[in-house]
PDB file of N, CA and C in Angstrom:
ATOM      1  N   UNK A   1       3.494  26.162 -13.663  1.00  0.00           N
ATOM      2  CA  UNK A   1       2.970  26.059 -12.812  1.00  0.00           C
ATOM      3  C   UNK A   1       2.478  24.332 -12.774  1.00  0.00           C
ATOM      4  N   UNK A   2       2.566  24.050 -11.683  1.00  0.00           N
ATOM      5  CA  UNK A   2       2.230  22.718 -10.700  1.00  0.00           C
ATOM      6  C   UNK A   2       0.741  23.208 -10.497  1.00  0.00           C
ATOM      7  N   UNK A   3       0.219  21.796 -10.599  1.00  0.00           N
ATOM      8  CA  UNK A   3      -1.500  21.843  -9.908  1.00  0.00           C
ATOM      9  C   UNK A   3      -1.860  20.036  -9.797  1.00  0.00           C
ATOM     10  N   UNK A   4      -2.189  19.865  -8.222  1.00  0.00           N
ATOM     11  CA  UNK A   4      -2.344  18.649  -7.830  1.00  0.00           C
ATOM     12  C   UNK A   4      -3.816  18.293  -8.553  1.00  0.00           C
ATOM     13  N   UNK A   5      -3.914  17.431  -9.304  1.00  0.00           N
ATOM     14  CA  UNK A   5      -5.426  17.225 -10.003  1.00  0.00           C
ATOM     15  C   UNK A   5      -6.622  16.209  -8.820  1.00  0.00           C
ATOM     16  N   UNK A   6      -5.650  14.591  -9.028  1.00  0.00           N
ATOM     17  CA  UNK A   6      -5.899  14.050  -7.704  1.00  0.00           C
ATOM     18  C   UNK A   6      -5.120  13.681  -7.082  1.00  0.00           C
ATOM     19  N   UNK A   7      -5.576  13.557  -5.792  1.00  0.00           N
ATOM     20  CA  UNK A   7      -4.923  13.039  -4.873  1.00  0.00           C
ATOM     21  C   UNK A   7      -5.812  11.227  -4.956  1.00  0.00           C
ATOM     22  N   UNK A   8      -4.771  10.686  -4.259  1.00  0.00           N
ATOM     23  CA  UNK A   8      -4.714   8.661  -4.814  1.00  0.00           C
ATOM     24  C   UNK A   8      -4.768   7.829  -3.513  1.00  0.00           C
ATOM     25  N   UNK A   9      -5.423   7.525  -2.925  1.00  0.00           N
ATOM     26  CA  UNK A   9      -5.219   6.511  -1.469  1.00  0.00           C
ATOM     27  C   UNK A   9      -5.791   5.317  -1.614  1.00  0.00           C
ATOM     28  N   UNK A  10      -4.916   4.260  -1.238  1.00  0.00           N
ATOM     29  CA  UNK A  10      -5.561   2.884  -1.434  1.00  0.00           C
ATOM     30  C   UNK A  10      -5.067   2.396  -0.526  1.00  0.00           C
ATOM     31  N   UNK A  11      -5.879   1.588   0.134  1.00  0.00           N
ATOM     32  CA  UNK A  11      -5.645   0.473   1.417  1.00  0.00           C
ATOM     33  C   UNK A  11      -6.131  -0.712   1.228  1.00  0.00           C
ATOM     34  N   UNK A  12      -5.607  -1.251   2.131  1.00  0.00           N
ATOM     35  CA  UNK A  12      -6.625  -2.904   2.321  1.00  0.00           C
ATOM     36  C   UNK A  12      -6.773  -3.182   3.663  1.00  0.00           C
ATOM     37  N   UNK A  13      -8.651  -3.442   3.565  1.00  0.00           N
ATOM     38  CA  UNK A  13      -9.075  -4.375   5.047  1.00  0.00           C
ATOM     39  C   UNK A  13      -9.751  -5.434   4.553  1.00  0.00           C
ATOM     40  N   UNK A  14      -9.076  -6.197   5.354  1.00  0.00           N
ATOM     41  CA  UNK A  14      -9.229  -7.922   5.532  1.00  0.00           C
ATOM     42  C   UNK A  14      -9.476  -8.514   3.881  1.00  0.00           C
ATOM     43  N   UNK A  15     -10.241  -8.242   3.391  1.00  0.00           N
ATOM     44  CA  UNK A  15     -10.268  -9.665   1.844  1.00  0.00           C
ATOM     45  C   UNK A  15     -10.545  -7.974   0.890  1.00  0.00           C
ATOM     46  N   UNK A  16     -10.926  -6.825   0.974  1.00  0.00           N
ATOM     47  CA  UNK A  16     -11.500  -5.658   0.173  1.00  0.00           C
ATOM     48  C   UNK A  16      -9.934  -4.999   0.118  1.00  0.00           C
ATOM     49  N   UNK A  17     -10.468  -3.867  -1.259  1.00  0.00           N
ATOM     50  CA  UNK A  17      -9.373  -2.658  -1.276  1.00  0.00           C
ATOM     51  C   UNK A  17      -9.613  -1.297  -1.257  1.00  0.00           C
ATOM     52  N   UNK A  18      -9.513  -0.363  -0.329  1.00  0.00           N
ATOM     53  CA  UNK A  18     -10.851   0.203  -1.325  1.00  0.00           C
ATOM     54  C   UNK A  18      -9.366   1.111  -1.619  1.00  0.00           C
ATOM     55  N   UNK A  19      -9.930   2.774  -2.040  1.00  0.00           N
ATOM     56  CA  UNK A  19      -9.313   3.587  -3.351  1.00  0.00           C
ATOM     57  C   UNK A  19     -10.522   4.404  -2.406  1.00  0.00           C
ATOM     58  N   UNK A  20      -9.668   5.470  -2.831  1.00  0.00           N
ATOM     59  CA  UNK A  20      -9.722   6.802  -1.815  1.00  0.00           C
ATOM     60  C   UNK A  20      -9.497   8.077  -3.390  1.00  0.00           C
ATOM     61  N   UNK A  21     -10.247   8.850  -4.413  1.00  0.00           N
ATOM     62  CA  UNK A  21      -9.860   9.966  -5.241  1.00  0.00           C
ATOM     63  C   UNK A  21     -10.705  11.591  -4.080  1.00  0.00           C
ATOM     64  N   UNK A  22      -8.898  11.865  -4.325  1.00  0.00           N
ATOM     65  CA  UNK A  22      -9.557  13.247  -3.348  1.00  0.00           C
ATOM     66  C   UNK A  22      -8.764  14.683  -4.791  1.00  0.00           C
ATOM     67  N   UNK A  23     -10.469  15.480  -5.397  1.00  0.00           N
ATOM     68  CA  UNK A  23      -9.710  16.988  -6.401  1.00  0.00           C
ATOM     69  C   UNK A  23     -10.401  17.272  -5.982  1.00  0.00           C
ATOM     70  N   UNK A  24     -10.828  19.305  -6.546  1.00  0.00           N
ATOM     71  CA  UNK A  24     -11.713  19.871  -5.966  1.00  0.00           C
ATOM     72  C   UNK A  24     -12.558  19.854  -6.619  1.00  0.00           C
ATOM     73  N   UNK A  25     -12.776  19.280  -8.124  1.00  0.00           N
ATOM     74  CA  UNK A  25     -13.771  19.207  -9.091  1.00  0.00           C
ATOM     75  C   UNK A  25     -14.912  18.770  -8.687  1.00  0.00           C
ATOM     76  N   UNK A  26     -14.197  17.526  -8.266  1.00  0.00           N
ATOM     77  CA  UNK A  26     -15.251  16.126  -7.962  1.00  0.00           C
ATOM     78  C   UNK A  26     -15.233  15.816  -5.962  1.00  0.00           C
ATOM     79  N   UNK A  27     -13.954  16.568  -5.080  1.00  0.00           N
ATOM     80  CA  UNK A  27     -14.615  16.078  -4.052  1.00  0.00           C
ATOM     81  C   UNK A  27     -13.769  14.275  -3.325  1.00  0.00           C
ATOM     82  N   UNK A  28     -14.567  14.293  -2.941  1.00  0.00           N
ATOM     83  CA  UNK A  28     -14.120  12.771  -2.553  1.00  0.00           C
ATOM     84  C   UNK A  28     -14.837  11.672  -2.568  1.00  0.00           C
ATOM     85  N   UNK A  29     -14.717  10.602  -3.376  1.00  0.00           N
ATOM     86  CA  UNK A  29     -14.768   9.873  -3.496  1.00  0.00           C
ATOM     87  C   UNK A  29     -13.976   8.254  -3.219  1.00  0.00           C
ATOM     88  N   UNK A  30     -14.736   7.291  -2.851  1.00  0.00           N
ATOM     89  CA  UNK A  30     -14.837   5.932  -2.277  1.00  0.00           C
ATOM     90  C   UNK A  30     -14.402   4.720  -3.282  1.00  0.00           C
ATOM     91  N   UNK A  31     -13.518   3.966  -3.941  1.00  0.00           N
ATOM     92  CA  UNK A  31     -14.202   2.704  -4.051  1.00  0.00           C
ATOM     93  C   UNK A  31     -13.290   1.761  -3.553  1.00  0.00           C
ATOM     94  N   UNK A  32     -14.373  -0.046  -3.725  1.00  0.00           N
ATOM     95  CA  UNK A  32     -13.740  -1.092  -3.297  1.00  0.00           C
ATOM     96  C   UNK A  32     -13.723  -2.367  -4.399  1.00  0.00           C
ATOM     97  N   UNK A  33     -13.335  -2.888  -3.982  1.00  0.00           N
ATOM     98  CA  UNK A  33     -12.915  -4.069  -5.145  1.00  0.00           C
ATOM     99  C   UNK A  33     -12.234  -4.877  -3.504  1.00  0.00           C
ATOM    100  N   UNK A  34     -12.751  -6.141  -4.117  1.00  0.00           N
ATOM    101  CA  UNK A  34     -11.599  -7.569  -3.741  1.00  0.00           C
ATOM    102  C   UNK A  34      -9.729  -7.739  -4.248  1.00  0.00           C
ATOM    103  N   UNK A  35     -10.275  -6.808  -5.922  1.00  0.00           N
ATOM    104  CA  UNK A  35      -8.910  -7.432  -6.209  1.00  0.00           C
ATOM    105  C   UNK A  35      -8.438  -5.920  -6.590  1.00  0.00           C
ATOM    106  N   UNK A  36      -6.711  -5.929  -6.747  1.00  0.00           N
ATOM    107  CA  UNK A  36      -6.328  -4.778  -6.991  1.00  0.00           C
ATOM    108  C   UNK A  36      -6.423  -4.340  -8.181  1.00  0.00           C
ATOM    109  N   UNK A  37      -6.576  -5.397  -8.706  1.00  0.00           N
ATOM    110  CA  UNK A  37      -6.310  -5.192 -10.419  1.00  0.00           C
ATOM    111  C   UNK A  37      -8.087  -3.788 -10.988  1.00  0.00           C
ATOM    112  N   UNK A  38      -8.406  -4.360 -10.915  1.00  0.00           N
ATOM    113  CA  UNK A  38     -10.272  -4.059 -10.227  1.00  0.00           C
ATOM    114  C   UNK A  38     -10.160  -3.050 -10.224  1.00  0.00           C
ATOM    115  N   UNK A  39     -10.127  -2.996  -8.689  1.00  0.00           N
ATOM    116  CA  UNK A  39     -10.232  -1.210  -8.361  1.00  0.00           C
ATOM    117  C   UNK A  39      -9.119   0.000  -8.487  1.00  0.00           C
ATOM    118  N   UNK A  40      -7.970  -0.714  -9.362  1.00  0.00           N
ATOM    119  CA  UNK A  40      -7.344   0.594 -10.109  1.00  0.00           C
ATOM    120  C   UNK A  40      -7.737   1.595 -11.216  1.00  0.00           C
ATOM    121  N   UNK A  41      -8.845   0.051 -11.957  1.00  0.00           N
ATOM    122  CA  UNK A  41      -8.953   0.135 -13.282  1.00  0.00           C
ATOM    123  C   UNK A  41     -10.861   1.035 -13.108  1.00  0.00           C
ATOM    124  N   UNK A  42     -11.196   0.551 -11.617  1.00  0.00           N
ATOM    125  CA  UNK A  42     -12.593   1.401 -11.186  1.00  0.00           C
ATOM    126  C   UNK A  42     -12.016   2.751 -11.223  1.00  0.00           C
ATOM    127  N   UNK A  43     -10.813   3.530 -10.679  1.00  0.00           N
ATOM    128  CA  UNK A  43     -10.228   4.389 -10.581  1.00  0.00           C
ATOM    129  C   UNK A  43      -9.715   5.755 -11.592  1.00  0.00           C
ATOM    130  N   UNK A  44      -9.130   4.753 -12.220  1.00  0.00           N
ATOM    131  CA  UNK A  44      -8.695   5.252 -13.769  1.00  0.00           C
ATOM    132  C   UNK A  44     -10.145   5.382 -14.260  1.00  0.00           C
ATOM    133  N   UNK A  45     -10.732   5.056 -14.662  1.00  0.00           N
ATOM    134  CA  UNK A  45     -12.431   5.026 -15.229  1.00  0.00           C
ATOM    135  C   UNK A  45     -12.656   6.169 -15.309  1.00  0.00           C
ATOM    136  N   UNK A  46     -13.017   6.436 -13.438  1.00  0.00           N
ATOM    137  CA  UNK A  46     -13.349   7.487 -13.094  1.00  0.00           C
ATOM    138  C   UNK A  46     -12.768   8.522 -13.594  1.00  0.00           C
ATOM    139  N   UNK A  47     -11.740   8.803 -12.866  1.00  0.00           N
ATOM    140  CA  UNK A  47     -10.435  10.001 -13.410  1.00  0.00           C
ATOM    141  C   UNK A  47     -10.917  10.276 -15.040  1.00  0.00           C
ATOM    142  N   UNK A  48     -11.010   9.440 -15.682  1.00  0.00           N
ATOM    143  CA  UNK A  48     -10.333   9.701 -17.220  1.00  0.00           C
ATOM    144  C   UNK A  48     -12.374  10.258 -18.075  1.00  0.00           C
ATOM    145  N   UNK A  49     -13.453   9.471 -17.534  1.00  0.00           N
ATOM    146  CA  UNK A  49     -14.887  10.371 -17.309  1.00  0.00           C
ATOM    147  C   UNK A  49     -14.375  11.652 -16.747  1.00  0.00           C
ATOM    148  N   UNK A  50     -14.110  12.007 -15.930  1.00  0.00           N
ATOM    149  CA  UNK A  50     -14.579  13.423 -15.351  1.00  0.00           C
ATOM    150  C   UNK A  50     -13.517  14.311 -15.818  1.00  0.00           C
ATOM    151  N   UNK A  51     -12.055  14.094 -16.525  1.00  0.00           N
ATOM    152  CA  UNK A  51     -10.722  14.557 -16.927  1.00  0.00           C
ATOM    153  C   UNK A  51     -11.713  15.099 -18.761  1.00  0.00           C
ATOM    154  N   UNK A  52     -12.461  13.713 -18.998  1.00  0.00           N
ATOM    155  CA  UNK A  52     -12.817  14.057 -20.813  1.00  0.00           C
ATOM    156  C   UNK A  52     -14.095  14.883 -20.389  1.00  0.00           C
ATOM    157  N   UNK A  53     -14.853  15.088 -19.336  1.00  0.00           N
ATOM    158  CA  UNK A  53     -15.718  16.164 -18.921  1.00  0.00           C
ATOM    159  C   UNK A  53     -15.228  17.536 -19.143  1.00  0.00           C
ATOM    160  N   UNK A  54     -14.376  17.370 -18.077  1.00  0.00           N
ATOM    161  CA  UNK A  54     -13.629  18.762 -18.170  1.00  0.00           C
ATOM    162  C   UNK A  54     -13.676  19.359 -19.637  1.00  0.00           C
ATOM    163  N   UNK A  55     -12.651  18.826 -20.017  1.00  0.00           N
ATOM    164  CA  UNK A  55     -12.091  19.438 -21.469  1.00  0.00           C
ATOM    165  C   UNK A  55     -13.461  19.881 -22.291  1.00  0.00           C
ATOM    166  N   UNK A  56     -14.559  18.598 -22.427  1.00  0.00           N
ATOM    167  CA  UNK A  56     -15.965  19.080 -23.020  1.00  0.00           C
ATOM    168  C   UNK A  56     -15.835  20.402 -22.793  1.00  0.00           C
ATOM    169  N   UNK A  57     -16.084  20.936 -21.462  1.00  0.00           N
ATOM    170  CA  UNK A  57     -16.374  22.486 -21.006  1.00  0.00           C
ATOM    171  C   UNK A  57     -15.297  23.133 -21.189  1.00  0.00           C
ATOM    172  N   UNK A  58     -14.583  22.922 -21.397  1.00  0.00           N
ATOM    173  CA  UNK A  58     -12.725  24.102 -21.200  1.00  0.00           C
ATOM    174  C   UNK A  58     -13.249  24.370 -22.745  1.00  0.00           C
ATOM    175  N   UNK A  59     -13.583  23.690 -23.849  1.00  0.00           N
ATOM    176  CA  UNK A  59     -13.715  23.807 -25.737  1.00  0.00           C
ATOM    177  C   UNK A  59     -15.367  24.073 -25.494  1.00  0.00           C
ATOM    178  N   UNK A  60     -15.918  23.864 -24.794  1.00  0.00           N
ATOM    179  CA  UNK A  60     -17.002  24.668 -25.204  1.00  0.00           C
ATOM    180  C   UNK A  60     -17.038  26.853 -24.950  1.00  0.00           C
ATOM    181  N   UNK A  61     -16.639  26.464 -23.680  1.00  0.00           N
ATOM    182  CA  UNK A  61     -15.926  27.897 -23.168  1.00  0.00           C
ATOM    183  C   UNK A  61     -15.332  28.539 -24.510  1.00  0.00           C
ATOM    184  N   UNK A  62     -13.585  27.594 -24.684  1.00  0.00           N
ATOM    185  CA  UNK A  62     -13.101  28.214 -26.092  1.00  0.00           C
ATOM    186  C   UNK A  62     -14.050  28.351 -26.775  1.00  0.00           C
ATOM    187  N   UNK A  63     -15.224  27.788 -27.541  1.00  0.00           N
ATOM    188  CA  UNK A  63     -15.881  27.477 -28.114  1.00  0.00           C
ATOM    189  C   UNK A  63     -16.525  29.746 -28.462  1.00  0.00           C
ATOM    190  N   UNK A  64     -17.235  29.567 -27.249  1.00  0.00           N
ATOM    191  CA  UNK A  64     -18.384  30.753 -26.881  1.00  0.00           C
ATOM    192  C   UNK A  64     -17.535  32.372 -26.589  1.00  0.00           C
ATOM    193  N   UNK A  65     -16.105  31.956 -26.653  1.00  0.00           N
ATOM    194  CA  UNK A  65     -15.184  33.127 -26.267  1.00  0.00           C
ATOM    195  C   UNK A  65     -14.598  33.376 -27.883  1.00  0.00           C
ATOM    196  N   UNK A  66     -14.376  32.677 -28.524  1.00  0.00           N
ATOM    197  CA  UNK A  66     -14.068  33.460 -30.033  1.00  0.00           C
ATOM    198  C   UNK A  66     -15.364  33.801 -30.266  1.00  0.00           C
ATOM    199  N   UNK A  67     -16.866  32.945 -31.026  1.00  0.00           N
ATOM    200  CA  UNK A  67     -17.831  33.975 -31.182  1.00  0.00           C
ATOM    201  C   UNK A  67     -18.049  34.913 -30.640  1.00  0.00           C
ATOM    202  N   UNK A  68     -17.751  35.751 -29.552  1.00  0.00           N
ATOM    203  CA  UNK A  68     -17.554  36.562 -28.796  1.00  0.00           C
ATOM    204  C   UNK A  68     -16.739  37.460 -29.709  1.00  0.00           C
ATOM    205  N   UNK A  69     -16.332  37.521 -29.906  1.00  0.00           N
ATOM    206  CA  UNK A  69     -14.613  38.189 -30.503  1.00  0.00           C
ATOM    207  C   UNK A  69     -15.228  38.692 -31.823  1.00  0.00           C
ATOM    208  N   UNK A  70     -15.698  37.754 -33.009  1.00  0.00           N
ATOM    209  CA  UNK A  70     -16.362  38.559 -33.688  1.00  0.00           C
ATOM    210  C   UNK A  70     -17.159  39.684 -33.930  1.00  0.00           C
TER     211      UNK A  70
END
């Protein structure tokens, strides 16, 4: 089964790149940077943080389920 985790939109207005990421977990976030490399770094970092936090919550939930089984 496929599921879209994030949609990313990037555009340029004058001298600034604008990136928006859309997700069910975090809603919409907007980033602005004069350099495309900086914008992509910010977006990747934010997504990584969100996925790490989600993985940690999933692991905690899995640990609780194992405790209840005993």
